[in-house]
Each structure stands twice: as structure tokens, then as C-alpha cells.
């Protein structure tokens, strides 16, 4: 009996030590403010709308000829017509997302635990339609995890989306991401009533409180 109790105590101690180590590692990642080896060029594309955070382009997120390709299905396609603000420079194309379609970005390097995304959207379908956004990134041991970032609304004119955040403190998966990882985004119309376009997709790789 005493032997069994001793084994139980040792097991509990080892488990506690492992959790403490994970917590320490995660905490170190949360406090880090270095972008790692990503080496991305940052800008403030949403400053005209009161957002002074710095962002980097998601690969292929301008949808211009020669940019990295996205994985498209269900009728998603690149079409003529750029978002009207030209925040990434003069362009002539965007991505159409009709009902039943899906588009996934290439993986991008992200320097911290709390990436968020922002982009330009237009919906010429029903005003009640919504666009689902998912993020897939790697946590400890390289395990891929997909998170639902929420839904976007849109009008018939181009406009910046709301910020799509990982939910750092409310998301245990986010807390287990180390200081550098990769992330990709997937956009899927939530219903059959919308007619969506997106353009100039950006990633904010920094850990922020807001």
C-alpha cells in the first residue's frame, strides 16, 4: 500500500513538473516581442481607419498576377477588380468567393503567439450573409491546429474588415504556441446568400492587448 502511495506521489510530482515546464515555456513566448527569423517588411495599411498596428502581407493576398497561389475550391477564383483603396499599391484583381467556395492562403511565418488578420471585403449578395474565417497554425511539437476566428460581415462597397484575433488569453492553444510558427487562413462563405470578394489580406504577427 505504501509503495502504491509513493508511486502516486511520484507520478503527481512528475506531472506537475511537466505542466510547470509547459507553462514557463508558453509564458516566455507570450512575453517575447521579437519577430524571430521571419524578416517580414511591416507597414500600417489600416492607419486611415484608426488602426496603427503594423502588418505584413499574407503571401498571395493581393491576388495579383505572379503572386503566390492560394488553394481554391468550389468556384473560388481570381477576378478583375481591386479593392478601392489600393493600400498595397495599384492593383487590378481580387478573389471572388461565391456560395459553396473555399480559399486557403499559403502558410506564412508568424513571430508570436497572438497573430491576427485583417483584410478588405465586399459582399454584393444579401446583407445578412457572413464569411467564416479559420486559421491553421502549429503549436508545440509541430502539431497543426485549426481555429475558427469568427465571421465577417460586408456591404456592396469595399471596406476594411474587423480585426480577426486568436484570443490569446482565452485560447489555450494560442498559449502553447512558441515564439515563431506558421499560419494559414481559410475563407468560407457561411451561407448561400452572399457573393463575397476579398483583397489585400494582412497578418499582424505581434502580441497585443487590443
N, C-alpha and C. Protein backbone atom coordinates (compact mmCIF):
# COMPACT_ATOMS: atom_id res chain seq x y z
N UNK A 1 0.83 -1.21 0.00
CA UNK A 1 0.00 0.00 0.00
C UNK A 1 0.86 1.26 0.00
N UNK A 2 1.90 1.24 0.88
CA UNK A 2 2.80 2.41 0.93
C UNK A 2 3.52 2.58 -0.41
N UNK A 3 3.86 1.44 -1.06
CA UNK A 3 4.52 1.52 -2.37
C UNK A 3 3.62 2.17 -3.39
N UNK A 4 2.31 1.82 -3.34
CA UNK A 4 1.37 2.41 -4.29
C UNK A 4 1.23 3.90 -4.06
N UNK A 5 1.15 4.32 -2.80
CA UNK A 5 1.06 5.75 -2.49
C UNK A 5 2.27 6.50 -2.99
N UNK A 6 3.46 5.86 -2.82
CA UNK A 6 4.70 6.52 -3.25
C UNK A 6 4.71 6.70 -4.77
N UNK A 7 4.24 5.68 -5.49
CA UNK A 7 4.18 5.79 -6.95
C UNK A 7 3.23 6.90 -7.36
N UNK A 8 2.07 6.99 -6.67
CA UNK A 8 1.11 8.03 -7.00
C UNK A 8 1.69 9.41 -6.75
N UNK A 9 2.43 9.58 -5.66
CA UNK A 9 3.05 10.87 -5.35
C UNK A 9 4.08 11.24 -6.39
N UNK A 10 4.90 10.23 -6.78
CA UNK A 10 5.93 10.50 -7.79
C UNK A 10 5.30 10.87 -9.13
N UNK A 11 4.20 10.19 -9.49
CA UNK A 11 3.52 10.49 -10.74
C UNK A 11 2.95 11.89 -10.73
N UNK A 12 2.32 12.26 -9.61
CA UNK A 12 1.76 13.60 -9.49
C UNK A 12 2.85 14.66 -9.57
N UNK A 13 3.99 14.38 -8.94
CA UNK A 13 5.10 15.33 -8.97
C UNK A 13 5.63 15.51 -10.38
N UNK A 14 5.80 14.39 -11.10
CA UNK A 14 6.30 14.47 -12.46
C UNK A 14 5.32 15.21 -13.36
N UNK A 15 4.02 14.95 -13.19
CA UNK A 15 3.02 15.65 -14.00
C UNK A 15 3.04 17.14 -13.72
N UNK A 16 3.17 17.48 -12.43
CA UNK A 16 3.23 18.89 -12.07
C UNK A 16 4.45 19.57 -12.67
N UNK A 17 5.57 18.88 -12.66
CA UNK A 17 6.79 19.45 -13.23
C UNK A 17 6.63 19.68 -14.73
N UNK A 18 5.99 18.71 -15.42
CA UNK A 18 5.79 18.86 -16.85
C UNK A 18 4.89 20.04 -17.16
N UNK A 19 3.77 20.18 -16.42
CA UNK A 19 2.87 21.30 -16.63
C UNK A 19 3.56 22.62 -16.34
N UNK A 20 4.38 22.62 -15.30
CA UNK A 20 5.11 23.86 -14.96
C UNK A 20 6.06 24.24 -16.08
N UNK A 21 6.72 23.22 -16.65
CA UNK A 21 7.65 23.50 -17.75
C UNK A 21 6.92 24.05 -18.96
N UNK A 22 5.76 23.44 -19.28
CA UNK A 22 4.97 23.94 -20.40
C UNK A 22 4.50 25.36 -20.13
N UNK A 23 4.05 25.61 -18.90
CA UNK A 23 3.57 26.94 -18.55
C UNK A 23 4.68 27.96 -18.67
N UNK A 24 5.88 27.59 -18.22
CA UNK A 24 7.02 28.51 -18.29
C UNK A 24 7.38 28.80 -19.73
N UNK A 25 7.38 27.75 -20.57
CA UNK A 25 7.70 27.94 -21.98
C UNK A 25 6.68 28.82 -22.66
N UNK A 26 5.39 28.54 -22.39
CA UNK A 26 4.34 29.34 -23.00
C UNK A 26 4.43 30.78 -22.54
N UNK A 27 4.69 30.98 -21.24
CA UNK A 27 4.77 32.34 -20.71
C UNK A 27 5.91 33.09 -21.36
N UNK A 28 7.04 32.41 -21.56
CA UNK A 28 8.17 33.07 -22.22
C UNK A 28 7.78 33.50 -23.62
N UNK A 29 7.00 32.65 -24.32
CA UNK A 29 6.55 33.01 -25.64
C UNK A 29 5.63 34.21 -25.62
N UNK A 30 4.76 34.27 -24.62
CA UNK A 30 3.80 35.36 -24.53
C UNK A 30 4.49 36.69 -24.31
N UNK A 31 5.58 36.67 -23.58
CA UNK A 31 6.26 37.92 -23.24
C UNK A 31 7.23 38.37 -24.32
N UNK A 32 7.57 37.46 -25.23
CA UNK A 32 8.54 37.80 -26.25
C UNK A 32 7.98 38.83 -27.21
N UNK A 33 8.78 39.78 -27.61
CA UNK A 33 8.36 40.77 -28.58
C UNK A 33 9.24 40.78 -29.82
N UNK A 34 9.99 39.71 -30.05
CA UNK A 34 10.84 39.63 -31.21
C UNK A 34 10.14 38.85 -32.30
N UNK A 35 10.22 39.30 -33.55
CA UNK A 35 9.54 38.59 -34.62
C UNK A 35 10.29 37.37 -35.11
N UNK A 36 11.34 36.95 -34.43
CA UNK A 36 12.07 35.76 -34.83
C UNK A 36 12.77 35.96 -36.15
N UNK A 37 12.85 34.88 -36.91
CA UNK A 37 13.58 34.93 -38.18
C UNK A 37 12.67 35.23 -39.36
N UNK A 38 11.46 35.70 -39.09
CA UNK A 38 10.51 35.92 -40.18
C UNK A 38 11.02 36.96 -41.18
N UNK A 39 11.57 38.04 -40.67
CA UNK A 39 12.15 39.06 -41.53
C UNK A 39 11.15 39.74 -42.45
N UNK A 40 9.90 39.88 -42.02
CA UNK A 40 8.90 40.49 -42.89
C UNK A 40 8.97 42.01 -42.86
N UNK A 41 8.59 42.62 -43.96
CA UNK A 41 8.53 44.07 -44.05
C UNK A 41 7.18 44.53 -43.53
N UNK A 42 7.18 45.36 -42.50
CA UNK A 42 5.93 45.79 -41.88
C UNK A 42 5.48 47.13 -42.41
N UNK A 43 4.15 47.34 -42.34
CA UNK A 43 3.58 48.62 -42.74
C UNK A 43 2.32 48.86 -41.90
N UNK A 44 1.66 49.98 -42.12
CA UNK A 44 0.43 50.32 -41.40
C UNK A 44 -0.70 50.55 -42.41
N UNK A 45 -1.15 49.51 -43.09
CA UNK A 45 -2.13 49.69 -44.17
C UNK A 45 -3.49 50.16 -43.70
N UNK A 46 -3.79 49.96 -42.40
CA UNK A 46 -5.12 50.33 -41.90
C UNK A 46 -5.10 51.61 -41.07
N UNK A 47 -4.01 52.35 -41.13
CA UNK A 47 -3.90 53.61 -40.39
C UNK A 47 -5.01 54.61 -40.74
N UNK A 48 -5.44 54.71 -42.00
CA UNK A 48 -6.52 55.66 -42.31
C UNK A 48 -7.82 55.35 -41.58
N UNK A 49 -7.94 54.14 -41.04
CA UNK A 49 -9.14 53.75 -40.30
C UNK A 49 -8.88 53.67 -38.79
N UNK A 50 -7.82 54.34 -38.34
CA UNK A 50 -7.54 54.43 -36.91
C UNK A 50 -6.80 53.24 -36.34
N UNK A 51 -6.28 52.37 -37.19
CA UNK A 51 -5.55 51.19 -36.73
C UNK A 51 -4.07 51.40 -37.03
N UNK A 52 -3.29 51.72 -35.99
CA UNK A 52 -1.86 52.00 -36.17
C UNK A 52 -0.99 50.77 -35.97
N UNK A 53 -1.59 49.60 -35.82
CA UNK A 53 -0.79 48.37 -35.71
C UNK A 53 -0.04 48.11 -37.00
N UNK A 54 1.08 47.44 -36.87
CA UNK A 54 1.87 47.10 -38.05
C UNK A 54 1.48 45.71 -38.55
N UNK A 55 1.45 45.57 -39.87
CA UNK A 55 1.03 44.33 -40.51
C UNK A 55 2.05 43.93 -41.58
N UNK A 56 1.99 42.64 -41.95
CA UNK A 56 2.75 42.14 -43.08
C UNK A 56 1.78 41.46 -44.03
N UNK A 57 2.06 41.48 -45.34
CA UNK A 57 1.14 40.86 -46.29
C UNK A 57 1.11 39.34 -46.12
N UNK A 58 -0.06 38.76 -46.20
CA UNK A 58 -0.18 37.31 -46.30
C UNK A 58 0.24 36.92 -47.72
N UNK A 59 1.06 35.89 -47.89
CA UNK A 59 1.52 35.52 -49.24
C UNK A 59 0.35 35.36 -50.22
N UNK A 60 0.47 36.05 -51.34
CA UNK A 60 -0.55 35.96 -52.38
C UNK A 60 -1.81 36.72 -52.08
N UNK A 61 -1.84 37.47 -50.97
CA UNK A 61 -3.06 38.12 -50.52
C UNK A 61 -3.48 39.33 -51.32
N UNK A 62 -2.68 39.74 -52.32
CA UNK A 62 -3.10 40.81 -53.23
C UNK A 62 -3.81 40.24 -54.45
N UNK A 63 -3.61 38.95 -54.71
CA UNK A 63 -4.24 38.22 -55.82
C UNK A 63 -3.86 38.79 -57.18
N UNK A 64 -2.70 39.43 -57.22
CA UNK A 64 -2.22 39.96 -58.49
C UNK A 64 -1.41 38.89 -59.24
N UNK A 65 -1.30 39.01 -60.58
CA UNK A 65 -0.51 38.05 -61.35
C UNK A 65 0.91 37.93 -60.83
N UNK A 66 1.40 36.71 -60.70
CA UNK A 66 2.75 36.46 -60.22
C UNK A 66 2.86 36.30 -58.73
N UNK A 67 1.79 36.57 -57.97
CA UNK A 67 1.85 36.39 -56.52
C UNK A 67 1.62 34.93 -56.17
N UNK A 68 2.05 34.49 -54.98
CA UNK A 68 1.88 33.08 -54.60
C UNK A 68 0.42 32.64 -54.68
N UNK A 69 0.23 31.40 -55.13
CA UNK A 69 -1.12 30.89 -55.35
C UNK A 69 -1.77 30.43 -54.06
N UNK A 70 -3.07 30.65 -53.96
CA UNK A 70 -3.89 30.10 -52.90
C UNK A 70 -4.53 28.80 -53.37
N UNK A 71 -5.00 28.00 -52.41
CA UNK A 71 -5.75 26.79 -52.74
C UNK A 71 -7.22 27.15 -52.84
N UNK A 72 -7.78 27.04 -54.04
CA UNK A 72 -9.15 27.47 -54.31
C UNK A 72 -10.03 26.27 -54.65
N UNK A 73 -11.28 26.29 -54.18
CA UNK A 73 -12.22 25.22 -54.49
C UNK A 73 -13.63 25.76 -54.51
N UNK A 74 -14.55 24.98 -55.11
CA UNK A 74 -15.96 25.31 -55.10
C UNK A 74 -16.32 26.58 -55.84
N UNK A 75 -15.54 26.96 -56.83
CA UNK A 75 -15.86 28.15 -57.61
C UNK A 75 -15.12 29.40 -57.20
N UNK A 76 -14.30 29.33 -56.15
CA UNK A 76 -13.48 30.49 -55.79
C UNK A 76 -12.50 30.78 -56.93
N UNK A 77 -12.35 32.04 -57.28
CA UNK A 77 -11.49 32.36 -58.42
C UNK A 77 -11.02 33.82 -58.32
N UNK A 78 -9.90 34.09 -58.94
CA UNK A 78 -9.38 35.46 -59.02
C UNK A 78 -10.11 36.18 -60.15
N UNK A 79 -10.58 37.40 -59.85
CA UNK A 79 -11.39 38.15 -60.81
C UNK A 79 -10.83 39.57 -60.96
N UNK A 80 -11.16 40.24 -62.07
CA UNK A 80 -10.76 41.64 -62.21
C UNK A 80 -11.45 42.51 -61.17
N UNK A 81 -10.76 43.55 -60.75
CA UNK A 81 -11.34 44.50 -59.80
C UNK A 81 -10.60 44.49 -58.47
N UNK A 82 -9.88 45.56 -58.19
CA UNK A 82 -9.09 45.67 -56.96
C UNK A 82 -9.91 46.36 -55.88
N UNK A 83 -9.53 46.12 -54.60
CA UNK A 83 -10.16 46.91 -53.54
C UNK A 83 -9.88 48.39 -53.82
N UNK A 84 -10.82 49.24 -53.46
CA UNK A 84 -10.83 50.62 -53.96
C UNK A 84 -9.82 51.55 -53.30
N UNK A 85 -9.13 51.10 -52.24
CA UNK A 85 -8.22 51.99 -51.52
C UNK A 85 -6.76 51.80 -51.92
N UNK A 86 -6.46 50.71 -52.62
CA UNK A 86 -5.10 50.44 -53.11
C UNK A 86 -4.04 50.53 -52.01
N UNK A 87 -4.32 49.92 -50.85
CA UNK A 87 -3.40 50.05 -49.73
C UNK A 87 -2.07 49.34 -49.98
N UNK A 88 -2.06 48.35 -50.85
CA UNK A 88 -0.80 47.66 -51.15
C UNK A 88 -0.21 48.14 -52.47
N UNK A 89 -0.73 49.25 -52.98
CA UNK A 89 -0.27 49.77 -54.26
C UNK A 89 -1.31 49.50 -55.34
N UNK A 90 -1.11 50.06 -56.52
CA UNK A 90 -2.06 49.85 -57.60
C UNK A 90 -2.23 48.36 -57.91
N UNK A 91 -3.46 47.93 -58.02
CA UNK A 91 -3.74 46.54 -58.34
C UNK A 91 -4.94 46.44 -59.24
N UNK A 92 -5.20 45.23 -59.74
CA UNK A 92 -6.30 45.07 -60.69
C UNK A 92 -7.11 43.80 -60.46
N UNK A 93 -6.83 43.06 -59.36
CA UNK A 93 -7.51 41.80 -59.13
C UNK A 93 -7.89 41.63 -57.66
N UNK A 94 -8.85 40.76 -57.43
CA UNK A 94 -9.27 40.36 -56.09
C UNK A 94 -9.75 38.91 -56.17
N UNK A 95 -10.22 38.38 -55.05
CA UNK A 95 -10.65 36.98 -55.00
C UNK A 95 -12.16 36.92 -54.80
N UNK A 96 -12.84 36.20 -55.69
CA UNK A 96 -14.28 36.00 -55.60
C UNK A 96 -14.57 34.72 -54.83
N UNK A 97 -15.52 34.82 -53.88
CA UNK A 97 -15.90 33.67 -53.06
C UNK A 97 -17.42 33.50 -53.11
N UNK A 98 -17.91 32.81 -54.12
CA UNK A 98 -19.35 32.56 -54.18
C UNK A 98 -19.76 31.51 -53.15
N UNK A 99 -21.06 31.31 -53.02
CA UNK A 99 -21.57 30.31 -52.09
C UNK A 99 -20.99 28.94 -52.42
N UNK A 100 -20.59 28.21 -51.37
CA UNK A 100 -20.04 26.87 -51.54
C UNK A 100 -18.56 26.82 -51.85
N UNK A 101 -17.91 27.97 -51.88
CA UNK A 101 -16.48 28.02 -52.22
C UNK A 101 -15.61 28.06 -50.98
N UNK A 102 -14.31 27.95 -51.20
CA UNK A 102 -13.34 27.99 -50.11
C UNK A 102 -12.01 28.44 -50.68
N UNK A 103 -11.25 29.21 -49.90
CA UNK A 103 -9.92 29.66 -50.31
C UNK A 103 -8.98 29.60 -49.12
N UNK A 104 -7.80 29.00 -49.32
CA UNK A 104 -6.82 28.85 -48.25
C UNK A 104 -5.50 29.48 -48.68
N UNK A 105 -4.96 30.32 -47.82
CA UNK A 105 -3.71 31.01 -48.13
C UNK A 105 -2.52 30.08 -47.94
N UNK A 106 -1.39 30.39 -48.58
CA UNK A 106 -0.15 29.67 -48.25
C UNK A 106 0.23 29.95 -46.79
N UNK A 107 1.02 29.07 -46.21
CA UNK A 107 1.49 29.28 -44.83
C UNK A 107 2.42 30.47 -44.78
N UNK A 108 2.27 31.27 -43.73
CA UNK A 108 3.12 32.44 -43.52
C UNK A 108 3.80 32.33 -42.17
N UNK A 109 5.00 32.84 -42.09
CA UNK A 109 5.70 32.87 -40.82
C UNK A 109 5.04 33.91 -39.91
N UNK A 110 4.84 33.54 -38.66
CA UNK A 110 4.34 34.50 -37.68
C UNK A 110 5.25 34.47 -36.47
N UNK A 111 5.55 35.65 -35.95
CA UNK A 111 6.59 35.73 -34.94
C UNK A 111 6.13 35.54 -33.52
N UNK A 112 4.82 35.50 -33.27
CA UNK A 112 4.37 35.46 -31.88
C UNK A 112 3.12 34.62 -31.69
N UNK A 113 2.69 34.56 -30.43
CA UNK A 113 1.58 33.72 -30.02
C UNK A 113 0.22 34.26 -30.46
N UNK A 114 0.14 35.53 -30.77
CA UNK A 114 -1.16 36.18 -30.91
C UNK A 114 -1.33 36.84 -32.27
N UNK A 115 -1.25 36.06 -33.35
CA UNK A 115 -1.44 36.69 -34.66
C UNK A 115 -2.89 37.08 -34.86
N UNK A 116 -3.09 38.11 -35.63
CA UNK A 116 -4.43 38.49 -36.06
C UNK A 116 -4.37 38.84 -37.53
N UNK A 117 -5.52 38.85 -38.16
CA UNK A 117 -5.57 39.15 -39.58
C UNK A 117 -6.57 40.27 -39.84
N UNK A 118 -6.34 40.97 -40.94
CA UNK A 118 -7.27 41.99 -41.38
C UNK A 118 -7.18 42.09 -42.89
N UNK A 119 -8.26 42.46 -43.53
CA UNK A 119 -8.30 42.44 -44.99
C UNK A 119 -9.39 43.38 -45.46
N UNK A 120 -9.60 43.42 -46.78
CA UNK A 120 -10.68 44.19 -47.36
C UNK A 120 -11.73 43.25 -47.91
N UNK A 121 -12.99 43.57 -47.65
CA UNK A 121 -14.09 42.68 -48.03
C UNK A 121 -15.17 43.46 -48.78
N UNK A 122 -15.90 42.71 -49.61
CA UNK A 122 -17.09 43.24 -50.28
C UNK A 122 -18.08 42.11 -50.44
N UNK A 123 -19.35 42.38 -50.20
CA UNK A 123 -20.40 41.39 -50.36
C UNK A 123 -21.55 42.01 -51.14
N UNK A 124 -21.73 41.56 -52.38
CA UNK A 124 -22.80 42.09 -53.21
C UNK A 124 -24.06 41.23 -53.14
N UNK A 125 -24.06 40.26 -52.23
CA UNK A 125 -25.25 39.44 -52.01
C UNK A 125 -26.07 39.99 -50.86
N UNK A 126 -26.74 39.10 -50.15
CA UNK A 126 -27.58 39.50 -49.02
C UNK A 126 -26.75 40.15 -47.92
N UNK A 127 -27.26 41.21 -47.34
CA UNK A 127 -26.54 41.90 -46.26
C UNK A 127 -26.45 41.06 -44.99
N UNK A 128 -27.28 40.03 -44.89
CA UNK A 128 -27.24 39.16 -43.71
C UNK A 128 -26.22 38.04 -43.85
N UNK A 129 -25.62 37.91 -45.03
CA UNK A 129 -24.63 36.85 -45.24
C UNK A 129 -23.37 37.11 -44.42
N UNK A 130 -22.67 36.05 -44.09
CA UNK A 130 -21.44 36.16 -43.32
C UNK A 130 -20.35 35.30 -43.97
N UNK A 131 -19.10 35.68 -43.71
CA UNK A 131 -17.93 34.97 -44.23
C UNK A 131 -17.15 34.38 -43.06
N UNK A 132 -17.03 33.05 -43.04
CA UNK A 132 -16.26 32.39 -41.99
C UNK A 132 -14.77 32.50 -42.27
N UNK A 133 -13.99 32.69 -41.21
CA UNK A 133 -12.54 32.74 -41.34
C UNK A 133 -11.91 31.78 -40.33
N UNK A 134 -11.01 30.93 -40.82
CA UNK A 134 -10.32 29.96 -39.99
C UNK A 134 -8.81 30.19 -40.11
N UNK A 135 -8.09 29.83 -39.06
CA UNK A 135 -6.63 29.88 -39.09
C UNK A 135 -6.08 28.52 -38.69
N UNK A 136 -5.09 28.07 -39.43
CA UNK A 136 -4.39 26.83 -39.08
C UNK A 136 -2.95 27.18 -38.79
N UNK A 137 -2.48 26.80 -37.60
CA UNK A 137 -1.10 27.08 -37.23
C UNK A 137 -0.56 25.93 -36.39
N UNK A 138 0.74 25.99 -36.12
CA UNK A 138 1.40 24.89 -35.44
C UNK A 138 1.72 25.28 -34.01
N UNK A 139 1.46 24.34 -33.09
CA UNK A 139 1.80 24.55 -31.69
C UNK A 139 3.01 23.69 -31.35
N UNK A 140 3.16 23.32 -30.10
CA UNK A 140 4.29 22.52 -29.67
C UNK A 140 4.37 21.23 -30.46
N UNK A 141 5.59 20.78 -30.76
CA UNK A 141 5.86 19.55 -31.49
C UNK A 141 5.38 19.61 -32.93
N UNK A 142 5.06 20.80 -33.44
CA UNK A 142 4.65 20.94 -34.82
C UNK A 142 3.25 20.47 -35.12
N UNK A 143 2.42 20.33 -34.11
CA UNK A 143 1.05 19.84 -34.33
C UNK A 143 0.20 20.94 -34.95
N UNK A 144 -0.50 20.65 -36.08
CA UNK A 144 -1.36 21.66 -36.69
C UNK A 144 -2.70 21.74 -35.96
N UNK A 145 -3.16 22.96 -35.73
CA UNK A 145 -4.43 23.19 -35.06
C UNK A 145 -5.20 24.24 -35.86
N UNK A 146 -6.50 23.99 -36.09
CA UNK A 146 -7.34 24.94 -36.81
C UNK A 146 -8.28 25.62 -35.83
N UNK A 147 -8.33 26.94 -35.89
CA UNK A 147 -9.15 27.76 -35.00
C UNK A 147 -10.15 28.55 -35.85
N UNK A 148 -11.40 28.60 -35.40
CA UNK A 148 -12.40 29.45 -36.04
C UNK A 148 -12.23 30.87 -35.50
N UNK A 149 -11.81 31.78 -36.36
CA UNK A 149 -11.57 33.16 -35.93
C UNK A 149 -12.85 33.99 -35.86
N UNK A 150 -13.93 33.48 -36.44
CA UNK A 150 -15.18 34.22 -36.40
C UNK A 150 -15.75 34.46 -37.78
N UNK A 151 -16.70 35.38 -37.86
CA UNK A 151 -17.38 35.69 -39.11
C UNK A 151 -17.26 37.17 -39.43
N UNK A 152 -17.18 37.45 -40.73
CA UNK A 152 -17.13 38.82 -41.20
C UNK A 152 -18.44 39.19 -41.87
N UNK A 153 -18.83 40.44 -41.73
CA UNK A 153 -19.94 40.99 -42.49
C UNK A 153 -19.37 41.91 -43.56
N UNK A 154 -20.17 42.25 -44.54
CA UNK A 154 -19.69 43.10 -45.60
C UNK A 154 -20.82 43.75 -46.36
N UNK A 155 -20.53 44.88 -46.99
CA UNK A 155 -21.53 45.60 -47.78
C UNK A 155 -21.15 45.54 -49.25
N UNK A 156 -21.91 46.22 -50.08
CA UNK A 156 -21.67 46.16 -51.52
C UNK A 156 -20.48 47.01 -51.96
N UNK A 157 -19.90 47.78 -51.04
CA UNK A 157 -18.70 48.56 -51.34
C UNK A 157 -17.52 48.01 -50.54
N UNK A 158 -16.32 48.19 -51.07
CA UNK A 158 -15.13 47.71 -50.39
C UNK A 158 -14.96 48.41 -49.05
N UNK A 159 -14.56 47.65 -48.03
CA UNK A 159 -14.30 48.22 -46.71
C UNK A 159 -13.33 47.31 -45.95
N UNK A 160 -12.57 47.90 -45.02
CA UNK A 160 -11.69 47.05 -44.20
C UNK A 160 -12.51 46.19 -43.26
N UNK A 161 -12.07 44.97 -43.07
CA UNK A 161 -12.76 44.07 -42.14
C UNK A 161 -12.44 44.46 -40.70
N UNK A 162 -13.17 43.88 -39.78
CA UNK A 162 -12.76 43.96 -38.39
C UNK A 162 -11.50 43.12 -38.20
N UNK A 163 -10.83 43.31 -37.08
CA UNK A 163 -9.62 42.53 -36.80
C UNK A 163 -10.01 41.14 -36.33
N UNK A 164 -9.36 40.13 -36.90
CA UNK A 164 -9.62 38.74 -36.55
C UNK A 164 -8.51 38.26 -35.63
N UNK A 165 -8.83 38.10 -34.36
CA UNK A 165 -7.81 37.79 -33.35
C UNK A 165 -7.88 36.35 -32.90
N UNK A 166 -6.73 35.83 -32.47
CA UNK A 166 -6.65 34.48 -31.97
C UNK A 166 -7.29 34.32 -30.59
N UNK A 167 -7.41 35.40 -29.84
CA UNK A 167 -7.92 35.28 -28.48
C UNK A 167 -6.86 34.71 -27.56
N UNK A 168 -5.77 35.45 -27.38
CA UNK A 168 -4.58 34.97 -26.69
C UNK A 168 -4.87 34.36 -25.32
N UNK A 169 -5.51 35.10 -24.43
CA UNK A 169 -5.67 34.63 -23.07
C UNK A 169 -6.81 33.64 -22.93
N UNK A 170 -7.76 33.66 -23.87
CA UNK A 170 -8.90 32.76 -23.78
C UNK A 170 -8.68 31.48 -24.59
N UNK A 171 -7.53 31.35 -25.21
CA UNK A 171 -7.30 30.24 -26.11
C UNK A 171 -6.05 29.48 -25.67
N UNK A 172 -6.25 28.31 -25.06
CA UNK A 172 -5.12 27.53 -24.56
C UNK A 172 -4.17 27.15 -25.67
N UNK A 173 -4.73 26.89 -26.85
CA UNK A 173 -3.87 26.54 -27.98
C UNK A 173 -2.92 27.67 -28.30
N UNK A 174 -3.44 28.93 -28.26
CA UNK A 174 -2.59 30.07 -28.52
C UNK A 174 -1.47 30.19 -27.51
N UNK A 175 -1.76 29.83 -26.25
CA UNK A 175 -0.75 29.93 -25.21
C UNK A 175 0.36 28.90 -25.39
N UNK A 176 0.06 27.82 -26.11
CA UNK A 176 1.07 26.78 -26.32
C UNK A 176 1.85 26.97 -27.61
N UNK A 177 1.64 28.09 -28.28
CA UNK A 177 2.42 28.41 -29.47
C UNK A 177 3.72 29.08 -29.02
N UNK A 178 4.82 28.63 -29.57
CA UNK A 178 6.10 29.22 -29.20
C UNK A 178 6.32 30.52 -29.97
N UNK A 179 7.52 31.09 -29.85
CA UNK A 179 7.74 32.44 -30.34
C UNK A 179 7.73 32.55 -31.85
N UNK A 180 7.77 31.44 -32.59
CA UNK A 180 7.71 31.51 -34.03
C UNK A 180 6.97 30.29 -34.55
N UNK A 181 6.08 30.51 -35.50
CA UNK A 181 5.29 29.42 -36.05
C UNK A 181 4.91 29.78 -37.47
N UNK A 182 4.06 28.96 -38.10
CA UNK A 182 3.49 29.31 -39.40
C UNK A 182 1.98 29.31 -39.27
N UNK A 183 1.35 30.09 -40.11
CA UNK A 183 -0.10 30.22 -40.05
C UNK A 183 -0.66 30.37 -41.45
N UNK A 184 -1.81 29.77 -41.71
CA UNK A 184 -2.53 29.98 -42.96
C UNK A 184 -3.98 30.28 -42.63
N UNK A 185 -4.65 30.96 -43.54
CA UNK A 185 -6.03 31.38 -43.33
C UNK A 185 -6.93 30.76 -44.38
N UNK A 186 -8.13 30.40 -43.97
CA UNK A 186 -9.12 29.83 -44.89
C UNK A 186 -10.41 30.64 -44.79
N UNK A 187 -10.95 30.99 -45.93
CA UNK A 187 -12.17 31.80 -46.02
C UNK A 187 -13.27 30.98 -46.68
N UNK A 188 -14.42 30.90 -46.00
CA UNK A 188 -15.53 30.07 -46.46
C UNK A 188 -16.84 30.83 -46.24
N UNK A 189 -17.62 31.10 -47.29
CA UNK A 189 -18.94 31.71 -47.06
C UNK A 189 -19.78 30.85 -46.12
N UNK A 190 -20.44 31.50 -45.17
CA UNK A 190 -21.18 30.76 -44.15
C UNK A 190 -22.55 30.31 -44.63
N UNK A 191 -23.02 30.85 -45.76
CA UNK A 191 -24.37 30.54 -46.24
C UNK A 191 -24.40 30.69 -47.75
N UNK A 192 -25.57 30.53 -48.31
CA UNK A 192 -25.73 30.56 -49.77
C UNK A 192 -26.23 31.90 -50.29
N UNK A 193 -26.35 32.89 -49.42
CA UNK A 193 -26.98 34.14 -49.83
C UNK A 193 -25.98 35.25 -50.18
N UNK A 194 -24.70 35.03 -49.91
CA UNK A 194 -23.71 36.06 -50.14
C UNK A 194 -23.00 35.93 -51.47
N UNK A 195 -22.31 36.98 -51.86
CA UNK A 195 -21.45 36.97 -53.04
C UNK A 195 -20.21 37.79 -52.68
N UNK A 196 -19.20 37.11 -52.16
CA UNK A 196 -18.08 37.75 -51.48
C UNK A 196 -16.89 37.98 -52.39
N UNK A 197 -16.17 39.04 -52.10
CA UNK A 197 -14.83 39.28 -52.64
C UNK A 197 -13.92 39.71 -51.49
N UNK A 198 -12.67 39.28 -51.55
CA UNK A 198 -11.68 39.73 -50.58
C UNK A 198 -10.43 40.19 -51.31
N UNK A 199 -9.64 41.03 -50.66
CA UNK A 199 -8.42 41.54 -51.27
C UNK A 199 -7.50 42.06 -50.17
N UNK A 200 -6.23 42.15 -50.51
CA UNK A 200 -5.19 42.71 -49.63
C UNK A 200 -5.32 42.17 -48.20
N UNK A 201 -4.97 40.90 -48.06
CA UNK A 201 -5.05 40.21 -46.77
C UNK A 201 -3.74 40.41 -46.01
N UNK A 202 -3.84 40.85 -44.76
CA UNK A 202 -2.66 41.16 -43.95
C UNK A 202 -2.67 40.38 -42.64
N UNK A 203 -1.47 40.14 -42.14
CA UNK A 203 -1.25 39.47 -40.87
C UNK A 203 -0.51 40.40 -39.92
N UNK A 204 -1.03 40.50 -38.71
CA UNK A 204 -0.33 41.22 -37.64
C UNK A 204 0.32 40.18 -36.74
N UNK A 205 1.64 40.01 -36.79
CA UNK A 205 2.29 38.93 -36.05
C UNK A 205 2.67 39.27 -34.61
N UNK A 206 2.31 40.45 -34.16
CA UNK A 206 2.76 40.88 -32.85
C UNK A 206 1.74 40.58 -31.77
N UNK A 207 2.23 40.41 -30.53
CA UNK A 207 1.36 40.18 -29.38
C UNK A 207 0.85 41.52 -28.87
N UNK A 208 -0.47 41.71 -28.88
CA UNK A 208 -1.04 42.98 -28.46
C UNK A 208 -2.17 42.74 -27.48
N UNK A 209 -2.47 43.74 -26.67
CA UNK A 209 -3.55 43.63 -25.68
C UNK A 209 -4.90 43.99 -26.31
N UNK A 210 -4.90 44.69 -27.42
CA UNK A 210 -6.16 45.12 -28.02
C UNK A 210 -6.31 44.53 -29.40
